[in-house]
C-alpha atoms as a PDB file:
ATOM      1  CA  UNK A   1     -47.943  10.118 -47.640  1.00  0.00           C
ATOM      2  CA  UNK A   2     -47.029  10.447 -51.315  1.00  0.00           C
ATOM      3  CA  UNK A   3     -43.351   9.696 -50.712  1.00  0.00           C
ATOM      4  CA  UNK A   4     -44.325   6.637 -48.683  1.00  0.00           C
ATOM      5  CA  UNK A   5     -46.493   5.274 -51.519  1.00  0.00           C
ATOM      6  CA  UNK A   6     -43.770   5.890 -54.088  1.00  0.00           C
ATOM      7  CA  UNK A   7     -41.268   4.031 -51.875  1.00  0.00           C
ATOM      8  CA  UNK A   8     -43.618   1.033 -51.657  1.00  0.00           C
ATOM      9  CA  UNK A   9     -44.001   1.011 -55.427  1.00  0.00           C
ATOM     10  CA  UNK A  10     -40.235   0.974 -55.871  1.00  0.00           C
ATOM     11  CA  UNK A  11     -39.888  -1.919 -53.447  1.00  0.00           C
ATOM     12  CA  UNK A  12     -42.408  -3.975 -55.408  1.00  0.00           C
ATOM     13  CA  UNK A  13     -40.458  -3.656 -58.607  1.00  0.00           C
ATOM     14  CA  UNK A  14     -37.326  -5.562 -59.669  1.00  0.00           C
ATOM     15  CA  UNK A  15     -33.927  -4.353 -60.849  1.00  0.00           C
ATOM     16  CA  UNK A  16     -33.722  -4.643 -64.643  1.00  0.00           C
ATOM     17  CA  UNK A  17     -29.974  -4.693 -65.333  1.00  0.00           C
ATOM     18  CA  UNK A  18     -28.744  -7.756 -63.405  1.00  0.00           C
ATOM     19  CA  UNK A  19     -31.920  -9.723 -64.175  1.00  0.00           C
ATOM     20  CA  UNK A  20     -31.430  -8.947 -67.855  1.00  0.00           C
ATOM     21  CA  UNK A  21     -28.167 -10.910 -67.815  1.00  0.00           C
ATOM     22  CA  UNK A  22     -29.812 -13.691 -65.800  1.00  0.00           C
ATOM     23  CA  UNK A  23     -32.566 -13.940 -68.431  1.00  0.00           C
ATOM     24  CA  UNK A  24     -29.964 -14.080 -71.187  1.00  0.00           C
ATOM     25  CA  UNK A  25     -28.265 -17.002 -69.399  1.00  0.00           C
ATOM     26  CA  UNK A  26     -31.627 -18.749 -68.972  1.00  0.00           C
ATOM     27  CA  UNK A  27     -32.372 -18.268 -72.657  1.00  0.00           C
ATOM     28  CA  UNK A  28     -28.962 -19.725 -73.574  1.00  0.00           C
ATOM     29  CA  UNK A  29     -29.560 -22.774 -71.406  1.00  0.00           C
ATOM     30  CA  UNK A  30     -33.011 -23.395 -72.894  1.00  0.00           C
ATOM     31  CA  UNK A  31     -31.632 -22.919 -76.408  1.00  0.00           C
ATOM     32  CA  UNK A  32     -28.979 -25.561 -75.683  1.00  0.00           C
ATOM     33  CA  UNK A  33     -31.736 -28.075 -74.953  1.00  0.00           C
ATOM     34  CA  UNK A  34     -33.555 -27.231 -78.204  1.00  0.00           C
ATOM     35  CA  UNK A  35     -30.318 -27.385 -80.207  1.00  0.00           C
ATOM     36  CA  UNK A  36     -29.445 -30.802 -78.759  1.00  0.00           C
ATOM     37  CA  UNK A  37     -32.906 -32.109 -79.612  1.00  0.00           C
ATOM     38  CA  UNK A  38     -32.196 -31.130 -83.197  1.00  0.00           C
ATOM     39  CA  UNK A  39     -28.766 -32.768 -83.217  1.00  0.00           C
ATOM     40  CA  UNK A  40     -26.831 -29.465 -83.178  1.00  0.00           C
ATOM     41  CA  UNK A  41     -24.499 -30.359 -80.362  1.00  0.00           C
ATOM     42  CA  UNK A  42     -21.820 -27.775 -81.091  1.00  0.00           C
ATOM     43  CA  UNK A  43     -24.398 -25.003 -80.909  1.00  0.00           C
ATOM     44  CA  UNK A  44     -25.757 -26.517 -77.690  1.00  0.00           C
ATOM     45  CA  UNK A  45     -22.278 -26.563 -76.112  1.00  0.00           C
ATOM     46  CA  UNK A  46     -21.547 -22.966 -77.126  1.00  0.00           C
ATOM     47  CA  UNK A  47     -24.918 -21.861 -75.711  1.00  0.00           C
ATOM     48  CA  UNK A  48     -24.129 -23.308 -72.299  1.00  0.00           C
ATOM     49  CA  UNK A  49     -20.757 -21.618 -72.234  1.00  0.00           C
ATOM     50  CA  UNK A  50     -22.533 -18.366 -73.106  1.00  0.00           C
ATOM     51  CA  UNK A  51     -24.824 -19.020 -70.157  1.00  0.00           C
ATOM     52  CA  UNK A  52     -21.734 -19.340 -67.952  1.00  0.00           C
ATOM     53  CA  UNK A  53     -20.529 -15.916 -69.059  1.00  0.00           C
ATOM     54  CA  UNK A  54     -23.944 -14.403 -68.313  1.00  0.00           C
ATOM     55  CA  UNK A  55     -23.985 -16.101 -64.896  1.00  0.00           C
ATOM     56  CA  UNK A  56     -20.592 -14.615 -64.062  1.00  0.00           C
ATOM     57  CA  UNK A  57     -21.692 -11.152 -65.085  1.00  0.00           C
ATOM     58  CA  UNK A  58     -25.118 -10.803 -63.457  1.00  0.00           C
ATOM     59  CA  UNK A  59     -23.951 -11.201 -59.859  1.00  0.00           C
ATOM     60  CA  UNK A  60     -20.989  -8.863 -60.304  1.00  0.00           C
ATOM     61  CA  UNK A  61     -23.185  -6.272 -62.038  1.00  0.00           C
ATOM     62  CA  UNK A  62     -25.654  -6.449 -59.125  1.00  0.00           C
ATOM     63  CA  UNK A  63     -22.884  -5.939 -56.561  1.00  0.00           C
ATOM     64  CA  UNK A  64     -21.137  -3.161 -58.510  1.00  0.00           C
ATOM     65  CA  UNK A  65     -24.433  -1.227 -59.032  1.00  0.00           C
ATOM     66  CA  UNK A  66     -25.809  -2.088 -55.583  1.00  0.00           C
ATOM     67  CA  UNK A  67     -28.906  -3.721 -57.106  1.00  0.00           C
ATOM     68  CA  UNK A  68     -28.865  -7.014 -55.190  1.00  0.00           C
ATOM     69  CA  UNK A  69     -32.251  -8.370 -54.196  1.00  0.00           C
ATOM     70  CA  UNK A  70     -33.843 -11.537 -52.866  1.00  0.00           C
ATOM     71  CA  UNK A  71     -35.756 -11.840 -56.115  1.00  0.00           C
ATOM     72  CA  UNK A  72     -32.508 -11.652 -58.115  1.00  0.00           C
ATOM     73  CA  UNK A  73     -30.919 -14.354 -55.971  1.00  0.00           C
ATOM     74  CA  UNK A  74     -33.856 -16.765 -56.392  1.00  0.00           C
ATOM     75  CA  UNK A  75     -34.170 -16.027 -60.085  1.00  0.00           C
ATOM     76  CA  UNK A  76     -30.438 -16.603 -60.608  1.00  0.00           C
ATOM     77  CA  UNK A  77     -30.636 -19.907 -58.756  1.00  0.00           C
ATOM     78  CA  UNK A  78     -33.558 -21.152 -60.865  1.00  0.00           C
ATOM     79  CA  UNK A  79     -31.820 -20.049 -64.060  1.00  0.00           C
ATOM     80  CA  UNK A  80     -28.668 -21.899 -62.993  1.00  0.00           C
ATOM     81  CA  UNK A  81     -30.713 -25.059 -62.434  1.00  0.00           C
ATOM     82  CA  UNK A  82     -31.913 -24.884 -66.058  1.00  0.00           C
ATOM     83  CA  UNK A  83     -28.642 -23.827 -67.667  1.00  0.00           C
ATOM     84  CA  UNK A  84     -26.159 -25.888 -65.600  1.00  0.00           C
ATOM     85  CA  UNK A  85     -28.343 -28.709 -64.245  1.00  0.00           C
ATOM     86  CA  UNK A  86     -31.015 -29.760 -66.708  1.00  0.00           C
ATOM     87  CA  UNK A  87     -29.466 -28.495 -69.965  1.00  0.00           C
ATOM     88  CA  UNK A  88     -26.053 -30.303 -69.643  1.00  0.00           C
ATOM     89  CA  UNK A  89     -27.748 -33.532 -68.583  1.00  0.00           C
ATOM     90  CA  UNK A  90     -30.166 -33.476 -71.529  1.00  0.00           C
ATOM     91  CA  UNK A  91     -27.454 -32.501 -74.007  1.00  0.00           C
ATOM     92  CA  UNK A  92     -25.217 -35.305 -72.805  1.00  0.00           C
ATOM     93  CA  UNK A  93     -28.150 -37.748 -72.852  1.00  0.00           C
ATOM     94  CA  UNK A  94     -29.086 -36.771 -76.407  1.00  0.00           C
ATOM     95  CA  UNK A  95     -25.470 -37.023 -77.560  1.00  0.00           C
ATOM     96  CA  UNK A  96     -24.201 -40.161 -75.856  1.00  0.00           C
ATOM     97  CA  UNK A  97     -26.109 -41.498 -72.850  1.00  0.00           C
ATOM     98  CA  UNK A  98     -29.307 -42.332 -74.684  1.00  0.00           C
ATOM     99  CA  UNK A  99     -27.660 -45.381 -76.261  1.00  0.00           C
ATOM    100  CA  UNK A 100     -26.888 -46.881 -72.847  1.00  0.00           C
ATOM    101  CA  UNK A 101     -30.540 -47.413 -71.929  1.00  0.00           C
ATOM    102  CA  UNK A 102     -31.480 -47.196 -68.289  1.00  0.00           C
ATOM    103  CA  UNK A 103     -27.904 -46.562 -67.146  1.00  0.00           C
ATOM    104  CA  UNK A 104     -27.761 -43.544 -69.457  1.00  0.00           C
ATOM    105  CA  UNK A 105     -30.857 -41.750 -68.203  1.00  0.00           C
ATOM    106  CA  UNK A 106     -30.030 -42.636 -64.598  1.00  0.00           C
ATOM    107  CA  UNK A 107     -26.633 -40.980 -65.003  1.00  0.00           C
ATOM    108  CA  UNK A 108     -28.283 -37.917 -66.493  1.00  0.00           C
ATOM    109  CA  UNK A 109     -30.780 -37.826 -63.625  1.00  0.00           C
ATOM    110  CA  UNK A 110     -28.010 -38.181 -61.040  1.00  0.00           C
ATOM    111  CA  UNK A 111     -26.247 -35.179 -62.516  1.00  0.00           C
ATOM    112  CA  UNK A 112     -29.472 -33.149 -62.526  1.00  0.00           C
ATOM    113  CA  UNK A 113     -30.355 -34.057 -58.943  1.00  0.00           C
ATOM    114  CA  UNK A 114     -26.782 -33.299 -57.829  1.00  0.00           C
ATOM    115  CA  UNK A 115     -27.027 -29.836 -59.415  1.00  0.00           C
ATOM    116  CA  UNK A 116     -30.282 -29.187 -57.570  1.00  0.00           C
ATOM    117  CA  UNK A 117     -28.791 -30.322 -54.254  1.00  0.00           C
ATOM    118  CA  UNK A 118     -25.630 -28.278 -54.878  1.00  0.00           C
ATOM    119  CA  UNK A 119     -27.666 -25.098 -55.513  1.00  0.00           C
ATOM    120  CA  UNK A 120     -29.879 -25.709 -52.496  1.00  0.00           C
ATOM    121  CA  UNK A 121     -26.852 -26.224 -50.243  1.00  0.00           C
ATOM    122  CA  UNK A 122     -25.193 -23.077 -51.605  1.00  0.00           C
ATOM    123  CA  UNK A 123     -28.314 -20.984 -51.010  1.00  0.00           C
ATOM    124  CA  UNK A 124     -28.699 -22.160 -47.411  1.00  0.00           C
ATOM    125  CA  UNK A 125     -25.017 -21.709 -46.545  1.00  0.00           C
ATOM    126  CA  UNK A 126     -24.361 -18.477 -48.505  1.00  0.00           C
ATOM    127  CA  UNK A 127     -24.481 -16.253 -45.427  1.00  0.00           C
ATOM    128  CA  UNK A 128     -22.017 -18.278 -43.336  1.00  0.00           C
ATOM    129  CA  UNK A 129     -19.764 -19.920 -45.938  1.00  0.00           C
ATOM    130  CA  UNK A 130     -16.206 -18.768 -46.702  1.00  0.00           C
ATOM    131  CA  UNK A 131     -16.528 -16.447 -49.733  1.00  0.00           C
ATOM    132  CA  UNK A 132     -13.093 -17.497 -50.994  1.00  0.00           C
ATOM    133  CA  UNK A 133     -14.074 -21.147 -51.471  1.00  0.00           C
ATOM    134  CA  UNK A 134     -16.917 -23.315 -52.763  1.00  0.00           C
ATOM    135  CA  UNK A 135     -17.970 -26.481 -50.983  1.00  0.00           C
ATOM    136  CA  UNK A 136     -18.301 -28.887 -53.862  1.00  0.00           C
ATOM    137  CA  UNK A 137     -17.782 -28.184 -57.542  1.00  0.00           C
ATOM    138  CA  UNK A 138     -19.902 -25.245 -58.644  1.00  0.00           C
ATOM    139  CA  UNK A 139     -22.645 -26.162 -61.142  1.00  0.00           C
ATOM    140  CA  UNK A 140     -21.242 -23.945 -63.958  1.00  0.00           C
ATOM    141  CA  UNK A 141     -17.849 -25.703 -63.622  1.00  0.00           C
ATOM    142  CA  UNK A 142     -19.501 -29.109 -63.623  1.00  0.00           C
ATOM    143  CA  UNK A 143     -21.447 -28.085 -66.731  1.00  0.00           C
ATOM    144  CA  UNK A 144     -18.196 -26.944 -68.361  1.00  0.00           C
ATOM    145  CA  UNK A 145     -16.674 -30.354 -67.690  1.00  0.00           C
ATOM    146  CA  UNK A 146     -19.643 -32.280 -69.135  1.00  0.00           C
ATOM    147  CA  UNK A 147     -20.416 -29.993 -72.070  1.00  0.00           C
ATOM    148  CA  UNK A 148     -16.734 -29.391 -72.787  1.00  0.00           C
ATOM    149  CA  UNK A 149     -16.380 -33.110 -73.458  1.00  0.00           C
ATOM    150  CA  UNK A 150     -19.342 -33.054 -75.840  1.00  0.00           C
ATOM    151  CA  UNK A 151     -17.895 -30.124 -77.769  1.00  0.00           C
ATOM    152  CA  UNK A 152     -14.359 -31.497 -77.860  1.00  0.00           C
ATOM    153  CA  UNK A 153     -15.411 -34.941 -79.104  1.00  0.00           C
ATOM    154  CA  UNK A 154     -17.833 -33.492 -81.648  1.00  0.00           C
ATOM    155  CA  UNK A 155     -15.144 -31.171 -82.924  1.00  0.00           C
ATOM    156  CA  UNK A 156     -12.843 -34.122 -83.455  1.00  0.00           C
ATOM    157  CA  UNK A 157     -15.415 -36.195 -85.322  1.00  0.00           C
ATOM    158  CA  UNK A 158     -16.257 -38.618 -82.496  1.00  0.00           C
ATOM    159  CA  UNK A 159     -19.909 -39.556 -82.077  1.00  0.00           C
ATOM    160  CA  UNK A 160     -21.551 -40.036 -78.689  1.00  0.00           C
ATOM    161  CA  UNK A 161     -21.775 -43.761 -79.303  1.00  0.00           C
ATOM    162  CA  UNK A 162     -17.988 -43.978 -79.654  1.00  0.00           C
ATOM    163  CA  UNK A 163     -17.383 -42.656 -76.133  1.00  0.00           C
ATOM    164  CA  UNK A 164     -20.683 -43.473 -74.400  1.00  0.00           C
ATOM    165  CA  UNK A 165     -19.104 -45.170 -71.380  1.00  0.00           C
ATOM    166  CA  UNK A 166     -16.579 -42.393 -70.932  1.00  0.00           C
ATOM    167  CA  UNK A 167     -19.420 -39.863 -71.186  1.00  0.00           C
ATOM    168  CA  UNK A 168     -21.265 -41.743 -68.439  1.00  0.00           C
ATOM    169  CA  UNK A 169     -18.198 -41.656 -66.196  1.00  0.00           C
ATOM    170  CA  UNK A 170     -17.634 -37.944 -66.753  1.00  0.00           C
ATOM    171  CA  UNK A 171     -21.336 -37.179 -66.099  1.00  0.00           C
ATOM    172  CA  UNK A 172     -21.377 -39.161 -62.848  1.00  0.00           C
ATOM    173  CA  UNK A 173     -18.077 -37.651 -61.653  1.00  0.00           C
ATOM    174  CA  UNK A 174     -19.391 -34.153 -62.371  1.00  0.00           C
ATOM    175  CA  UNK A 175     -22.512 -34.887 -60.312  1.00  0.00           C
ATOM    176  CA  UNK A 176     -20.636 -36.483 -57.403  1.00  0.00           C
ATOM    177  CA  UNK A 177     -18.144 -33.566 -57.219  1.00  0.00           C
ATOM    178  CA  UNK A 178     -21.013 -31.067 -56.960  1.00  0.00           C
ATOM    179  CA  UNK A 179     -22.385 -32.656 -53.804  1.00  0.00           C
ATOM    180  CA  UNK A 180     -19.002 -33.550 -52.298  1.00  0.00           C
ATOM    181  CA  UNK A 181     -17.191 -31.657 -49.542  1.00  0.00           C
ATOM    182  CA  UNK A 182     -14.225 -30.927 -51.804  1.00  0.00           C
ATOM    183  CA  UNK A 183     -13.182 -27.270 -51.560  1.00  0.00           C
ATOM    184  CA  UNK A 184     -12.649 -25.152 -54.653  1.00  0.00           C
ATOM    185  CA  UNK A 185     -11.375 -21.612 -55.044  1.00  0.00           C
ATOM    186  CA  UNK A 186     -14.283 -19.306 -55.889  1.00  0.00           C
ATOM    187  CA  UNK A 187     -12.150 -16.398 -57.250  1.00  0.00           C
ATOM    188  CA  UNK A 188     -14.770 -14.039 -55.764  1.00  0.00           C
ATOM    189  CA  UNK A 189     -12.005 -12.086 -53.994  1.00  0.00           C
ATOM    190  CA  UNK A 190     -10.810 -10.618 -57.309  1.00  0.00           C
ATOM    191  CA  UNK A 191     -11.421  -6.876 -57.227  1.00  0.00           C
ATOM    192  CA  UNK A 192     -12.724  -5.725 -60.622  1.00  0.00           C
ATOM    193  CA  UNK A 193     -13.270  -2.131 -59.523  1.00  0.00           C
ATOM    194  CA  UNK A 194      -9.760  -1.406 -58.300  1.00  0.00           C
ATOM    195  CA  UNK A 195      -6.764  -0.418 -60.361  1.00  0.00           C
ATOM    196  CA  UNK A 196      -4.489  -3.160 -61.731  1.00  0.00           C
ATOM    197  CA  UNK A 197      -1.029  -3.156 -63.304  1.00  0.00           C
ATOM    198  CA  UNK A 198      -0.882  -2.583 -67.055  1.00  0.00           C
ATOM    199  CA  UNK A 199       0.459  -6.122 -67.553  1.00  0.00           C
ATOM    200  CA  UNK A 200      -2.856  -7.491 -66.249  1.00  0.00           C
ATOM    201  CA  UNK A 201      -4.591  -6.276 -69.404  1.00  0.00           C
ATOM    202  CA  UNK A 202      -1.978  -8.039 -71.496  1.00  0.00           C
ATOM    203  CA  UNK A 203      -2.618 -11.274 -69.573  1.00  0.00           C
ATOM    204  CA  UNK A 204      -6.361 -10.994 -70.308  1.00  0.00           C
ATOM    205  CA  UNK A 205      -5.614 -10.518 -74.022  1.00  0.00           C
ATOM    206  CA  UNK A 206      -3.344 -13.576 -73.979  1.00  0.00           C
ATOM    207  CA  UNK A 207      -6.032 -15.636 -72.302  1.00  0.00           C
ATOM    208  CA  UNK A 208      -8.491 -14.760 -75.103  1.00  0.00           C
ATOM    209  CA  UNK A 209      -5.860 -15.597 -77.710  1.00  0.00           C
ATOM    210  CA  UNK A 210      -5.101 -18.891 -75.978  1.00  0.00           C
ATOM    211  CA  UNK A 211      -8.795 -19.885 -75.912  1.00  0.00           C
ATOM    212  CA  UNK A 212      -9.316 -18.909 -79.561  1.00  0.00           C
ATOM    213  CA  UNK A 213      -6.622 -21.356 -80.684  1.00  0.00           C
ATOM    214  CA  UNK A 214      -8.994 -24.262 -79.990  1.00  0.00           C
ATOM    215  CA  UNK A 215     -12.003 -23.328 -77.844  1.00  0.00           C
ATOM    216  CA  UNK A 216     -13.278 -26.892 -77.264  1.00  0.00           C
ATOM    217  CA  UNK A 217      -9.863 -28.210 -76.212  1.00  0.00           C
ATOM    218  CA  UNK A 218      -8.879 -25.230 -74.068  1.00  0.00           C
ATOM    219  CA  UNK A 219     -12.230 -24.858 -72.307  1.00  0.00           C
ATOM    220  CA  UNK A 220     -12.508 -28.581 -71.552  1.00  0.00           C
ATOM    221  CA  UNK A 221      -8.898 -28.584 -70.406  1.00  0.00           C
ATOM    222  CA  UNK A 222      -9.494 -25.677 -68.046  1.00  0.00           C
ATOM    223  CA  UNK A 223     -12.634 -27.309 -66.663  1.00  0.00           C
ATOM    224  CA  UNK A 224     -10.771 -30.603 -66.139  1.00  0.00           C
ATOM    225  CA  UNK A 225      -7.852 -28.877 -64.390  1.00  0.00           C
ATOM    226  CA  UNK A 226     -10.217 -26.894 -62.121  1.00  0.00           C
ATOM    227  CA  UNK A 227     -12.236 -29.972 -61.242  1.00  0.00           C
ATOM    228  CA  UNK A 228      -9.036 -31.888 -60.501  1.00  0.00           C
ATOM    229  CA  UNK A 229      -7.498 -29.066 -58.475  1.00  0.00           C
ATOM    230  CA  UNK A 230     -10.087 -29.320 -55.705  1.00  0.00           C
ATOM    231  CA  UNK A 231      -9.671 -33.092 -55.407  1.00  0.00           C
ATOM    232  CA  UNK A 232      -5.884 -32.849 -55.340  1.00  0.00           C
ATOM    233  CA  UNK A 233      -5.943 -29.984 -52.859  1.00  0.00           C
ATOM    234  CA  UNK A 234      -8.329 -31.846 -50.543  1.00  0.00           C
ATOM    235  CA  UNK A 235      -6.213 -35.006 -50.657  1.00  0.00           C
ATOM    236  CA  UNK A 236      -3.065 -33.018 -49.858  1.00  0.00           C
ATOM    237  CA  UNK A 237      -4.856 -31.287 -46.964  1.00  0.00           C
ATOM    238  CA  UNK A 238      -6.026 -34.603 -45.561  1.00  0.00           C
ATOM    239  CA  UNK A 239      -2.510 -35.989 -45.859  1.00  0.00           C
ATOM    240  CA  UNK A 240      -1.099 -32.923 -44.053  1.00  0.00           C
ATOM    241  CA  UNK A 241      -3.588 -33.272 -41.227  1.00  0.00           C
ATOM    242  CA  UNK A 242      -2.870 -36.961 -40.893  1.00  0.00           C
ATOM    243  CA  UNK A 243       0.843 -36.282 -40.785  1.00  0.00           C
ATOM    244  CA  UNK A 244       0.376 -33.503 -38.193  1.00  0.00           C
ATOM    245  CA  UNK A 245      -1.792 -35.762 -36.031  1.00  0.00           C
ATOM    246  CA  UNK A 246       0.790 -38.560 -36.292  1.00  0.00           C
ATOM    247  CA  UNK A 247       3.635 -36.184 -35.294  1.00  0.00           C
ATOM    248  CA  UNK A 248       1.541 -34.963 -32.359  1.00  0.00           C
ATOM    249  CA  UNK A 249       1.009 -38.501 -31.151  1.00  0.00           C
ATOM    250  CA  UNK A 250       4.760 -39.238 -31.496  1.00  0.00           C
ATOM    251  CA  UNK A 251       5.521 -36.126 -29.501  1.00  0.00           C
ATOM    252  CA  UNK A 252       3.353 -37.305 -26.650  1.00  0.00           C
END
């Protein structure tokens, strides 16, 4: 009887470690909104990138420590909506889109709604989807594209008003890619628990050095390349299928 009651108590609780990282990511996303409201756009951009790091850690920590839970999944999804859906849209609106009037806030809303739809689709298809690929651009990657532009332009002395129309285009593209059927590599097949060659550690060090040269430029560049890779890969796949279908018809 006593053991049964203790087991029920344990089931009612939540795992602290992974949810601690999720909370840190949520805090970073909320801080980004506050910083943008105060005109501190560099701090806002950095906060969202910190949220991305936390988002990448919490799930892996849960899997490595066997502390996955339905609560953790739902909490992570809600935190992602704040950090990678609402926060990037509001930061971009405060920085550039606000000067475009109705078009500006509609673009920000489109991005936010797309992030919500992207997360809802991911949650409903998580059990059956291919773990090696994402369907549509993941919300953290879309946030990196949008916020990377803010940080890069701010770092080079460009105001939001100078590039307002470009900011609108980038925001809309980020939203559209999230709800598209474009396939992106998820990199979830990387084994962090297994042994790796010594040179792998050197590669990691070089990546950090490369990013530290110019964080805004490098991070935006990586986000742009990743966002483009899915589109290019999908177009090449469609071309290959069309060519194969045409050859099949010729053979008949």
